[in-house]
Full PDB file with SEQRES, HELIX, SHEET, SSBOND, CRYST1, ORIGX, SCALE, CONECT and MASTER records, all heavy atoms in Angstrom:
SEQRES   1 A   38  PRO VAL HIS LEU LYS THR PHE VAL PRO VAL HIS THR GLY          
SEQRES   2 A   38  SER PRO ILE PRO ASP GLY PHE ASP ALA VAL ILE MET GLN          
SEQRES   3 A   38  GLU ASP VAL ARG LEU ASN ASP SER ASP SER ILE ALA              
HELIX    1 AA1 GLN A   26  ASP A   28  5                                   3    
CRYST1    1.000    1.000    1.000  90.00  90.00  90.00 P 1           1          
ORIGX1      1.000000  0.000000  0.000000        0.00000                         
ORIGX2      0.000000  1.000000  0.000000        0.00000                         
ORIGX3      0.000000  0.000000  1.000000        0.00000                         
SCALE1      1.000000  0.000000  0.000000        0.00000                         
SCALE2      0.000000  1.000000  0.000000        0.00000                         
SCALE3      0.000000  0.000000  1.000000        0.00000                         
ATOM      1  N   PRO A   1      17.356  26.029 -40.542  1.00  0.00           N  
ATOM      2  CA  PRO A   1      17.180  26.969 -39.428  1.00  0.00           C  
ATOM      3  C   PRO A   1      17.823  28.314 -39.737  1.00  0.00           C  
ATOM      4  O   PRO A   1      18.763  28.414 -40.518  1.00  0.00           O  
ATOM      5  CB  PRO A   1      17.879  26.276 -38.257  1.00  0.00           C  
ATOM      6  CG  PRO A   1      18.029  24.849 -38.672  1.00  0.00           C  
ATOM      7  CD  PRO A   1      18.156  24.856 -40.160  1.00  0.00           C  
ATOM      8  N   VAL A   2      17.278  29.347 -39.119  1.00  0.00           N  
ATOM      9  CA  VAL A   2      17.862  30.686 -39.185  1.00  0.00           C  
ATOM     10  C   VAL A   2      18.651  30.912 -37.910  1.00  0.00           C  
ATOM     11  O   VAL A   2      18.146  30.676 -36.806  1.00  0.00           O  
ATOM     12  CB  VAL A   2      16.773  31.764 -39.347  1.00  0.00           C  
ATOM     13  CG1 VAL A   2      17.382  33.162 -39.185  1.00  0.00           C  
ATOM     14  CG2 VAL A   2      16.101  31.631 -40.704  1.00  0.00           C  
ATOM     15  N   HIS A   3      19.879  31.360 -38.031  1.00  0.00           N  
ATOM     16  CA  HIS A   3      20.746  31.592 -36.880  1.00  0.00           C  
ATOM     17  C   HIS A   3      20.699  33.064 -36.496  1.00  0.00           C  
ATOM     18  O   HIS A   3      20.997  33.943 -37.312  1.00  0.00           O  
ATOM     19  CB  HIS A   3      22.179  31.150 -37.194  1.00  0.00           C  
ATOM     20  CG  HIS A   3      22.293  29.696 -37.515  1.00  0.00           C  
ATOM     21  ND1 HIS A   3      22.443  28.712 -36.551  1.00  0.00           N  
ATOM     22  CD2 HIS A   3      22.226  29.040 -38.715  1.00  0.00           C  
ATOM     23  CE1 HIS A   3      22.492  27.529 -37.124  1.00  0.00           C  
ATOM     24  NE2 HIS A   3      22.362  27.692 -38.445  1.00  0.00           N  
ATOM     25  N   LEU A   4      20.256  33.328 -35.273  1.00  0.00           N  
ATOM     26  CA  LEU A   4      20.107  34.700 -34.800  1.00  0.00           C  
ATOM     27  C   LEU A   4      21.129  34.999 -33.716  1.00  0.00           C  
ATOM     28  O   LEU A   4      21.403  34.163 -32.846  1.00  0.00           O  
ATOM     29  CB  LEU A   4      18.701  34.917 -34.222  1.00  0.00           C  
ATOM     30  CG  LEU A   4      17.510  34.727 -35.167  1.00  0.00           C  
ATOM     31  CD1 LEU A   4      16.221  35.014 -34.413  1.00  0.00           C  
ATOM     32  CD2 LEU A   4      17.640  35.631 -36.381  1.00  0.00           C  
ATOM     33  N   LYS A   5      21.655  36.208 -33.787  1.00  0.00           N  
ATOM     34  CA  LYS A   5      22.537  36.685 -32.721  1.00  0.00           C  
ATOM     35  C   LYS A   5      21.865  37.765 -31.880  1.00  0.00           C  
ATOM     36  O   LYS A   5      22.383  38.136 -30.820  1.00  0.00           O  
ATOM     37  CB  LYS A   5      23.841  37.221 -33.321  1.00  0.00           C  
ATOM     38  CG  LYS A   5      24.719  36.139 -33.932  1.00  0.00           C  
ATOM     39  CD  LYS A   5      26.091  36.680 -34.305  1.00  0.00           C  
ATOM     40  CE  LYS A   5      26.985  35.562 -34.817  1.00  0.00           C  
ATOM     41  NZ  LYS A   5      28.346  36.055 -35.147  1.00  0.00           N  
ATOM     42  N   THR A   6      20.703  38.255 -32.397  1.00  0.00           N  
ATOM     43  CA  THR A   6      19.953  39.271 -31.656  1.00  0.00           C  
ATOM     44  C   THR A   6      18.777  38.590 -30.961  1.00  0.00           C  
ATOM     45  O   THR A   6      17.774  38.249 -31.600  1.00  0.00           O  
ATOM     46  CB  THR A   6      19.435  40.370 -32.592  1.00  0.00           C  
ATOM     47  OG1 THR A   6      20.532  40.932 -33.302  1.00  0.00           O  
ATOM     48  CG2 THR A   6      18.726  41.465 -31.798  1.00  0.00           C  
ATOM     49  N   PHE A   7      18.905  38.341 -29.688  1.00  0.00           N  
ATOM     50  CA  PHE A   7      17.855  37.671 -28.931  1.00  0.00           C  
ATOM     51  C   PHE A   7      18.083  37.941 -27.450  1.00  0.00           C  
ATOM     52  O   PHE A   7      19.178  38.345 -27.035  1.00  0.00           O  
ATOM     53  CB  PHE A   7      17.848  36.162 -29.200  1.00  0.00           C  
ATOM     54  CG  PHE A   7      19.100  35.468 -28.732  1.00  0.00           C  
ATOM     55  CD1 PHE A   7      19.170  34.916 -27.448  1.00  0.00           C  
ATOM     56  CD2 PHE A   7      20.207  35.369 -29.559  1.00  0.00           C  
ATOM     57  CE1 PHE A   7      20.314  34.284 -27.017  1.00  0.00           C  
ATOM     58  CE2 PHE A   7      21.359  34.735 -29.131  1.00  0.00           C  
ATOM     59  CZ  PHE A   7      21.422  34.192 -27.851  1.00  0.00           C  
ATOM     60  N   VAL A   8      17.016  37.714 -26.656  1.00  0.00           N  
ATOM     61  CA  VAL A   8      17.099  37.858 -25.201  1.00  0.00           C  
ATOM     62  C   VAL A   8      16.315  36.713 -24.577  1.00  0.00           C  
ATOM     63  O   VAL A   8      15.144  36.517 -24.912  1.00  0.00           O  
ATOM     64  CB  VAL A   8      16.525  39.210 -24.708  1.00  0.00           C  
ATOM     65  CG1 VAL A   8      16.511  39.265 -23.172  1.00  0.00           C  
ATOM     66  CG2 VAL A   8      17.338  40.369 -25.265  1.00  0.00           C  
ATOM     67  N   PRO A   9      16.908  35.904 -23.681  1.00  0.00           N  
ATOM     68  CA  PRO A   9      16.139  34.857 -22.997  1.00  0.00           C  
ATOM     69  C   PRO A   9      15.040  35.484 -22.124  1.00  0.00           C  
ATOM     70  O   PRO A   9      15.264  36.489 -21.443  1.00  0.00           O  
ATOM     71  CB  PRO A   9      17.190  34.155 -22.135  1.00  0.00           C  
ATOM     72  CG  PRO A   9      18.511  34.513 -22.746  1.00  0.00           C  
ATOM     73  CD  PRO A   9      18.337  35.880 -23.316  1.00  0.00           C  
ATOM     74  N   VAL A  10      13.843  34.906 -22.166  1.00  0.00           N  
ATOM     75  CA  VAL A  10      12.721  35.398 -21.360  1.00  0.00           C  
ATOM     76  C   VAL A  10      12.005  34.214 -20.721  1.00  0.00           C  
ATOM     77  O   VAL A  10      12.095  33.078 -21.198  1.00  0.00           O  
ATOM     78  CB  VAL A  10      11.715  36.214 -22.198  1.00  0.00           C  
ATOM     79  CG1 VAL A  10      12.312  37.522 -22.663  1.00  0.00           C  
ATOM     80  CG2 VAL A  10      11.190  35.383 -23.367  1.00  0.00           C  
ATOM     81  N   HIS A  11      11.302  34.496 -19.633  1.00  0.00           N  
ATOM     82  CA  HIS A  11      10.461  33.518 -18.967  1.00  0.00           C  
ATOM     83  C   HIS A  11       9.009  34.002 -19.015  1.00  0.00           C  
ATOM     84  O   HIS A  11       8.740  35.171 -19.308  1.00  0.00           O  
ATOM     85  CB  HIS A  11      10.904  33.329 -17.519  1.00  0.00           C  
ATOM     86  CG  HIS A  11      12.316  32.865 -17.379  1.00  0.00           C  
ATOM     87  ND1 HIS A  11      12.711  31.578 -17.675  1.00  0.00           N  
ATOM     88  CD2 HIS A  11      13.448  33.521 -16.988  1.00  0.00           C  
ATOM     89  CE1 HIS A  11      14.009  31.439 -17.470  1.00  0.00           C  
ATOM     90  NE2 HIS A  11      14.495  32.617 -17.053  1.00  0.00           N  
ATOM     91  N   THR A  12       8.091  33.106 -18.719  1.00  0.00           N  
ATOM     92  CA  THR A  12       6.675  33.492 -18.681  1.00  0.00           C  
ATOM     93  C   THR A  12       6.477  34.626 -17.686  1.00  0.00           C  
ATOM     94  O   THR A  12       6.850  34.515 -16.521  1.00  0.00           O  
ATOM     95  CB  THR A  12       5.803  32.290 -18.283  1.00  0.00           C  
ATOM     96  OG1 THR A  12       6.008  31.235 -19.221  1.00  0.00           O  
ATOM     97  CG2 THR A  12       4.331  32.682 -18.260  1.00  0.00           C  
ATOM     98  N   GLY A  13       5.914  35.733 -18.172  1.00  0.00           N  
ATOM     99  CA  GLY A  13       5.701  36.899 -17.324  1.00  0.00           C  
ATOM    100  C   GLY A  13       6.800  37.921 -17.383  1.00  0.00           C  
ATOM    101  O   GLY A  13       6.668  39.015 -16.826  1.00  0.00           O  
ATOM    102  N   SER A  14       7.913  37.606 -18.064  1.00  0.00           N  
ATOM    103  CA  SER A  14       9.016  38.559 -18.162  1.00  0.00           C  
ATOM    104  C   SER A  14       8.646  39.719 -19.092  1.00  0.00           C  
ATOM    105  O   SER A  14       7.988  39.510 -20.120  1.00  0.00           O  
ATOM    106  CB  SER A  14      10.270  37.880 -18.721  1.00  0.00           C  
ATOM    107  OG  SER A  14      10.723  36.860 -17.866  1.00  0.00           O  
ATOM    108  N   PRO A  15       9.079  40.956 -18.771  1.00  0.00           N  
ATOM    109  CA  PRO A  15       8.864  42.082 -19.697  1.00  0.00           C  
ATOM    110  C   PRO A  15       9.610  41.838 -21.004  1.00  0.00           C  
ATOM    111  O   PRO A  15      10.705  41.268 -21.017  1.00  0.00           O  
ATOM    112  CB  PRO A  15       9.432  43.285 -18.944  1.00  0.00           C  
ATOM    113  CG  PRO A  15       9.498  42.865 -17.511  1.00  0.00           C  
ATOM    114  CD  PRO A  15       9.727  41.400 -17.514  1.00  0.00           C  
ATOM    115  N   ILE A  16       9.026  42.281 -22.101  1.00  0.00           N  
ATOM    116  CA  ILE A  16       9.668  42.163 -23.407  1.00  0.00           C  
ATOM    117  C   ILE A  16      10.580  43.367 -23.595  1.00  0.00           C  
ATOM    118  O   ILE A  16      10.122  44.518 -23.533  1.00  0.00           O  
ATOM    119  CB  ILE A  16       8.625  42.108 -24.534  1.00  0.00           C  
ATOM    120  CG1 ILE A  16       7.690  40.905 -24.333  1.00  0.00           C  
ATOM    121  CG2 ILE A  16       9.306  42.030 -25.890  1.00  0.00           C  
ATOM    122  CD1 ILE A  16       8.382  39.568 -24.350  1.00  0.00           C  
ATOM    123  N   PRO A  17      11.876  43.167 -23.822  1.00  0.00           N  
ATOM    124  CA  PRO A  17      12.795  44.299 -24.011  1.00  0.00           C  
ATOM    125  C   PRO A  17      12.404  45.135 -25.230  1.00  0.00           C  
ATOM    126  O   PRO A  17      11.806  44.633 -26.195  1.00  0.00           O  
ATOM    127  CB  PRO A  17      14.156  43.634 -24.214  1.00  0.00           C  
ATOM    128  CG  PRO A  17      13.992  42.245 -23.671  1.00  0.00           C  
ATOM    129  CD  PRO A  17      12.566  41.871 -23.900  1.00  0.00           C  
ATOM    130  N   ASP A  18      12.731  46.405 -25.191  1.00  0.00           N  
ATOM    131  CA  ASP A  18      12.455  47.291 -26.327  1.00  0.00           C  
ATOM    132  C   ASP A  18      13.148  46.782 -27.580  1.00  0.00           C  
ATOM    133  O   ASP A  18      14.294  46.289 -27.535  1.00  0.00           O  
ATOM    134  CB  ASP A  18      12.941  48.711 -26.020  1.00  0.00           C  
ATOM    135  CG  ASP A  18      12.123  49.372 -24.924  1.00  0.00           C  
ATOM    136  OD1 ASP A  18      10.985  48.924 -24.690  1.00  0.00           O  
ATOM    137  OD2 ASP A  18      12.629  50.332 -24.314  1.00  0.00           O  
ATOM    138  N   GLY A  19      12.458  46.915 -28.687  1.00  0.00           N  
ATOM    139  CA  GLY A  19      13.023  46.526 -29.973  1.00  0.00           C  
ATOM    140  C   GLY A  19      12.685  45.117 -30.395  1.00  0.00           C  
ATOM    141  O   GLY A  19      12.912  44.744 -31.554  1.00  0.00           O  
ATOM    142  N   PHE A  20      12.142  44.303 -29.489  1.00  0.00           N  
ATOM    143  CA  PHE A  20      11.767  42.930 -29.818  1.00  0.00           C  
ATOM    144  C   PHE A  20      10.243  42.833 -29.938  1.00  0.00           C  
ATOM    145  O   PHE A  20       9.513  43.474 -29.166  1.00  0.00           O  
ATOM    146  CB  PHE A  20      12.280  41.968 -28.749  1.00  0.00           C  
ATOM    147  CG  PHE A  20      13.791  41.916 -28.667  1.00  0.00           C  
ATOM    148  CD1 PHE A  20      14.485  42.807 -27.854  1.00  0.00           C  
ATOM    149  CD2 PHE A  20      14.493  40.996 -29.418  1.00  0.00           C  
ATOM    150  CE1 PHE A  20      15.869  42.772 -27.783  1.00  0.00           C  
ATOM    151  CE2 PHE A  20      15.881  40.940 -29.353  1.00  0.00           C  
ATOM    152  CZ  PHE A  20      16.573  41.837 -28.539  1.00  0.00           C  
ATOM    153  N   ASP A  21       9.761  42.043 -30.895  1.00  0.00           N  
ATOM    154  CA  ASP A  21       8.322  41.991 -31.142  1.00  0.00           C  
ATOM    155  C   ASP A  21       7.745  40.583 -31.188  1.00  0.00           C  
ATOM    156  O   ASP A  21       6.612  40.383 -31.602  1.00  0.00           O  
ATOM    157  CB  ASP A  21       7.979  42.721 -32.443  1.00  0.00           C  
ATOM    158  CG  ASP A  21       8.622  42.090 -33.668  1.00  0.00           C  
ATOM    159  OD1 ASP A  21       9.412  41.119 -33.505  1.00  0.00           O  
ATOM    160  OD2 ASP A  21       8.349  42.550 -34.786  1.00  0.00           O  
ATOM    161  N   ALA A  22       8.490  39.575 -30.783  1.00  0.00           N  
ATOM    162  CA  ALA A  22       7.967  38.204 -30.784  1.00  0.00           C  
ATOM    163  C   ALA A  22       8.755  37.361 -29.781  1.00  0.00           C  
ATOM    164  O   ALA A  22       9.891  37.695 -29.415  1.00  0.00           O  
ATOM    165  CB  ALA A  22       8.053  37.585 -32.174  1.00  0.00           C  
ATOM    166  N   VAL A  23       8.123  36.257 -29.362  1.00  0.00           N  
ATOM    167  CA  VAL A  23       8.779  35.290 -28.480  1.00  0.00           C  
ATOM    168  C   VAL A  23       8.705  33.918 -29.156  1.00  0.00           C  
ATOM    169  O   VAL A  23       7.637  33.504 -29.627  1.00  0.00           O  
ATOM    170  CB  VAL A  23       8.118  35.243 -27.093  1.00  0.00           C  
ATOM    171  CG1 VAL A  23       8.644  34.050 -26.279  1.00  0.00           C  
ATOM    172  CG2 VAL A  23       8.380  36.542 -26.333  1.00  0.00           C  
ATOM    173  N   ILE A  24       9.839  33.251 -29.202  1.00  0.00           N  
ATOM    174  CA  ILE A  24       9.880  31.887 -29.731  1.00  0.00           C  
ATOM    175  C   ILE A  24      10.084  30.939 -28.557  1.00  0.00           C  
ATOM    176  O   ILE A  24      10.975  31.142 -27.711  1.00  0.00           O  
ATOM    177  CB  ILE A  24      11.012  31.727 -30.759  1.00  0.00           C  
ATOM    178  CG1 ILE A  24      10.740  32.638 -31.959  1.00  0.00           C  
ATOM    179  CG2 ILE A  24      11.126  30.269 -31.203  1.00  0.00           C  
ATOM    180  CD1 ILE A  24      11.768  32.532 -33.059  1.00  0.00           C  
ATOM    181  N   MET A  25       9.227  29.905 -28.491  1.00  0.00           N  
ATOM    182  CA  MET A  25       9.286  28.984 -27.358  1.00  0.00           C  
ATOM    183  C   MET A  25      10.608  28.219 -27.330  1.00  0.00           C  
ATOM    184  O   MET A  25      11.230  27.969 -28.369  1.00  0.00           O  
ATOM    185  CB  MET A  25       8.111  28.005 -27.425  1.00  0.00           C  
ATOM    186  CG  MET A  25       6.757  28.651 -27.201  1.00  0.00           C  
ATOM    187  SD  MET A  25       5.436  27.435 -26.992  1.00  0.00           S  
ATOM    188  CE  MET A  25       5.472  26.643 -28.599  1.00  0.00           C  
ATOM    189  N   GLN A  26      10.942  27.821 -26.121  1.00  0.00           N  
ATOM    190  CA  GLN A  26      12.200  27.108 -25.888  1.00  0.00           C  
ATOM    191  C   GLN A  26      12.323  25.884 -26.799  1.00  0.00           C  
ATOM    192  O   GLN A  26      13.397  25.616 -27.358  1.00  0.00           O  
ATOM    193  CB  GLN A  26      12.262  26.679 -24.416  1.00  0.00           C  
ATOM    194  CG  GLN A  26      13.544  25.979 -24.013  1.00  0.00           C  
ATOM    195  CD  GLN A  26      14.662  26.966 -23.740  1.00  0.00           C  
ATOM    196  OE1 GLN A  26      14.425  27.986 -23.124  1.00  0.00           O  
ATOM    197  NE2 GLN A  26      15.863  26.668 -24.218  1.00  0.00           N  
ATOM    198  N   GLU A  27      11.215  25.143 -26.972  1.00  0.00           N  
ATOM    199  CA  GLU A  27      11.296  23.899 -27.722  1.00  0.00           C  
ATOM    200  C   GLU A  27      11.442  24.106 -29.226  1.00  0.00           C  
ATOM    201  O   GLU A  27      11.695  23.149 -29.973  1.00  0.00           O  
ATOM    202  CB  GLU A  27      10.057  23.027 -27.454  1.00  0.00           C  
ATOM    203  CG  GLU A  27       8.734  23.762 -27.631  1.00  0.00           C  
ATOM    204  CD  GLU A  27       8.204  24.330 -26.334  1.00  0.00           C  
ATOM    205  OE1 GLU A  27       9.027  24.819 -25.514  1.00  0.00           O  
ATOM    206  OE2 GLU A  27       6.973  24.284 -26.148  1.00  0.00           O  
ATOM    207  N   ASP A  28      11.268  25.340 -29.706  1.00  0.00           N  
ATOM    208  CA  ASP A  28      11.418  25.632 -31.132  1.00  0.00           C  
ATOM    209  C   ASP A  28      12.781  26.243 -31.447  1.00  0.00           C  
ATOM    210  O   ASP A  28      12.990  26.838 -32.506  1.00  0.00           O  
ATOM    211  CB  ASP A  28      10.315  26.591 -31.596  1.00  0.00           C  
ATOM    212  CG  ASP A  28       8.940  25.947 -31.530  1.00  0.00           C  
ATOM    213  OD1 ASP A  28       8.865  24.706 -31.670  1.00  0.00           O  
ATOM    214  OD2 ASP A  28       7.953  26.670 -31.334  1.00  0.00           O  
ATOM    215  N   VAL A  29      13.701  26.131 -30.518  1.00  0.00           N  
ATOM    216  CA  VAL A  29      15.010  26.762 -30.665  1.00  0.00           C  
ATOM    217  C   VAL A  29      16.109  25.728 -30.376  1.00  0.00           C  
ATOM    218  O   VAL A  29      15.967  24.885 -29.495  1.00  0.00           O  
ATOM    219  CB  VAL A  29      15.151  27.962 -29.699  1.00  0.00           C  
ATOM    220  CG1 VAL A  29      16.578  28.488 -29.688  1.00  0.00           C  
ATOM    221  CG2 VAL A  29      14.186  29.054 -30.086  1.00  0.00           C  
ATOM    222  N   ARG A  30      17.203  25.809 -31.129  1.00  0.00           N  
ATOM    223  CA  ARG A  30      18.397  25.036 -30.840  1.00  0.00           C  
ATOM    224  C   ARG A  30      19.508  26.003 -30.430  1.00  0.00           C  
ATOM    225  O   ARG A  30      19.738  27.017 -31.106  1.00  0.00           O  
ATOM    226  CB  ARG A  30      18.869  24.238 -32.068  1.00  0.00           C  
ATOM    227  CG  ARG A  30      17.937  23.094 -32.447  1.00  0.00           C  
ATOM    228  CD  ARG A  30      18.435  22.428 -33.698  1.00  0.00           C  
ATOM    229  NE  ARG A  30      17.512  21.397 -34.163  1.00  0.00           N  
ATOM    230  CZ  ARG A  30      17.567  20.854 -35.377  1.00  0.00           C  
ATOM    231  NH1 ARG A  30      18.514  21.241 -36.234  1.00  0.00           N  
ATOM    232  NH2 ARG A  30      16.690  19.938 -35.731  1.00  0.00           N  
ATOM    233  N   LEU A  31      20.165  25.695 -29.353  1.00  0.00           N  
ATOM    234  CA  LEU A  31      21.250  26.540 -28.874  1.00  0.00           C  
ATOM    235  C   LEU A  31      22.533  26.167 -29.604  1.00  0.00           C  
ATOM    236  O   LEU A  31      22.966  25.004 -29.582  1.00  0.00           O  
ATOM    237  CB  LEU A  31      21.429  26.374 -27.374  1.00  0.00           C  
ATOM    238  CG  LEU A  31      20.322  26.944 -26.493  1.00  0.00           C  
ATOM    239  CD1 LEU A  31      20.598  26.608 -25.035  1.00  0.00           C  
ATOM    240  CD2 LEU A  31      20.231  28.452 -26.670  1.00  0.00           C  
ATOM    241  N   ASN A  32      23.125  27.145 -30.276  1.00  0.00           N  
ATOM    242  CA  ASN A  32      24.420  26.923 -30.909  1.00  0.00           C  
ATOM    243  C   ASN A  32      25.540  27.181 -29.907  1.00  0.00           C  
ATOM    244  O   ASN A  32      26.388  26.327 -29.629  1.00  0.00           O  
ATOM    245  CB  ASN A  32      24.590  27.831 -32.129  1.00  0.00           C  
ATOM    246  CG  ASN A  32      23.637  27.444 -33.248  1.00  0.00           C  
ATOM    247  OD1 ASN A  32      23.222  26.297 -33.319  1.00  0.00           O  
ATOM    248  ND2 ASN A  32      23.307  28.384 -34.116  1.00  0.00           N  
ATOM    249  N   ASP A  33      25.546  28.368 -29.353  1.00  0.00           N  
ATOM    250  CA  ASP A  33      26.492  28.753 -28.311  1.00  0.00           C  
ATOM    251  C   ASP A  33      25.864  29.927 -27.584  1.00  0.00           C  
ATOM    252  O   ASP A  33      24.694  30.254 -27.808  1.00  0.00           O  
ATOM    253  CB  ASP A  33      27.858  29.104 -28.907  1.00  0.00           C  
ATOM    254  CG  ASP A  33      27.740  30.098 -30.064  1.00  0.00           C  
ATOM    255  OD1 ASP A  33      27.037  31.119 -29.888  1.00  0.00           O  
ATOM    256  OD2 ASP A  33      28.334  29.837 -31.116  1.00  0.00           O  
ATOM    257  N   SER A  34      26.604  30.573 -26.740  1.00  0.00           N  
ATOM    258  CA  SER A  34      26.046  31.682 -25.957  1.00  0.00           C  
ATOM    259  C   SER A  34      25.751  32.908 -26.806  1.00  0.00           C  
ATOM    260  O   SER A  34      25.065  33.827 -26.361  1.00  0.00           O  
ATOM    261  CB  SER A  34      27.005  32.049 -24.819  1.00  0.00           C  
ATOM    262  OG  SER A  34      28.267  32.456 -25.352  1.00  0.00           O  
ATOM    263  N   ASP A  35      26.266  32.934 -28.051  1.00  0.00           N  
ATOM    264  CA  ASP A  35      26.110  34.121 -28.886  1.00  0.00           C  
ATOM    265  C   ASP A  35      25.035  33.986 -29.954  1.00  0.00           C  
ATOM    266  O   ASP A  35      24.673  34.964 -30.608  1.00  0.00           O  
ATOM    267  CB  ASP A  35      27.440  34.473 -29.568  1.00  0.00           C  
ATOM    268  CG  ASP A  35      28.508  34.878 -28.557  1.00  0.00           C  
ATOM    269  OD1 ASP A  35      28.124  35.473 -27.530  1.00  0.00           O  
ATOM    270  OD2 ASP A  35      29.683  34.580 -28.798  1.00  0.00           O  
ATOM    271  N   SER A  36      24.517  32.780 -30.176  1.00  0.00           N  
ATOM    272  CA  SER A  36      23.524  32.621 -31.242  1.00  0.00           C  
ATOM    273  C   SER A  36      22.579  31.474 -30.934  1.00  0.00           C  
ATOM    274  O   SER A  36      22.898  30.574 -30.150  1.00  0.00           O  
ATOM    275  CB  SER A  36      24.216  32.375 -32.589  1.00  0.00           C  
ATOM    276  OG  SER A  36      24.858  31.113 -32.580  1.00  0.00           O  
ATOM    277  N   ILE A  37      21.410  31.533 -31.566  1.00  0.00           N  
ATOM    278  CA  ILE A  37      20.424  30.456 -31.472  1.00  0.00           C  
ATOM    279  C   ILE A  37      19.946  30.123 -32.871  1.00  0.00           C  
ATOM    280  O   ILE A  37      19.959  30.974 -33.771  1.00  0.00           O  
ATOM    281  CB  ILE A  37      19.230  30.845 -30.581  1.00  0.00           C  
ATOM    282  CG1 ILE A  37      18.572  32.132 -31.091  1.00  0.00           C  
ATOM    283  CG2 ILE A  37      19.638  30.995 -29.126  1.00  0.00           C  
ATOM    284  CD1 ILE A  37      17.313  32.511 -30.340  1.00  0.00           C  
ATOM    285  N   ALA A  38      19.487  28.881 -33.033  1.00  0.00           N  
ATOM    286  CA  ALA A  38      18.955  28.441 -34.318  1.00  0.00           C  
ATOM    287  C   ALA A  38      17.441  28.384 -34.224  1.00  0.00           C  
ATOM    288  O   ALA A  38      16.888  27.694 -33.366  1.00  0.00           O  
ATOM    289  CB  ALA A  38      19.538  27.083 -34.698  1.00  0.00           C  
TER     290      ALA A  38                                                      
MASTER        0    0    0    1    0    0    0    6  289    1    0    3          
END                                                                             
């Protein structure tokens, strides 16, 4: 897995914040802590 610290939680229909260009589904992510995701 790749560990990212640059991410924003989103829901269906949520605006995409500036600077982000993709959404990864909840089931394809492992939560490490509040500061990073796998």
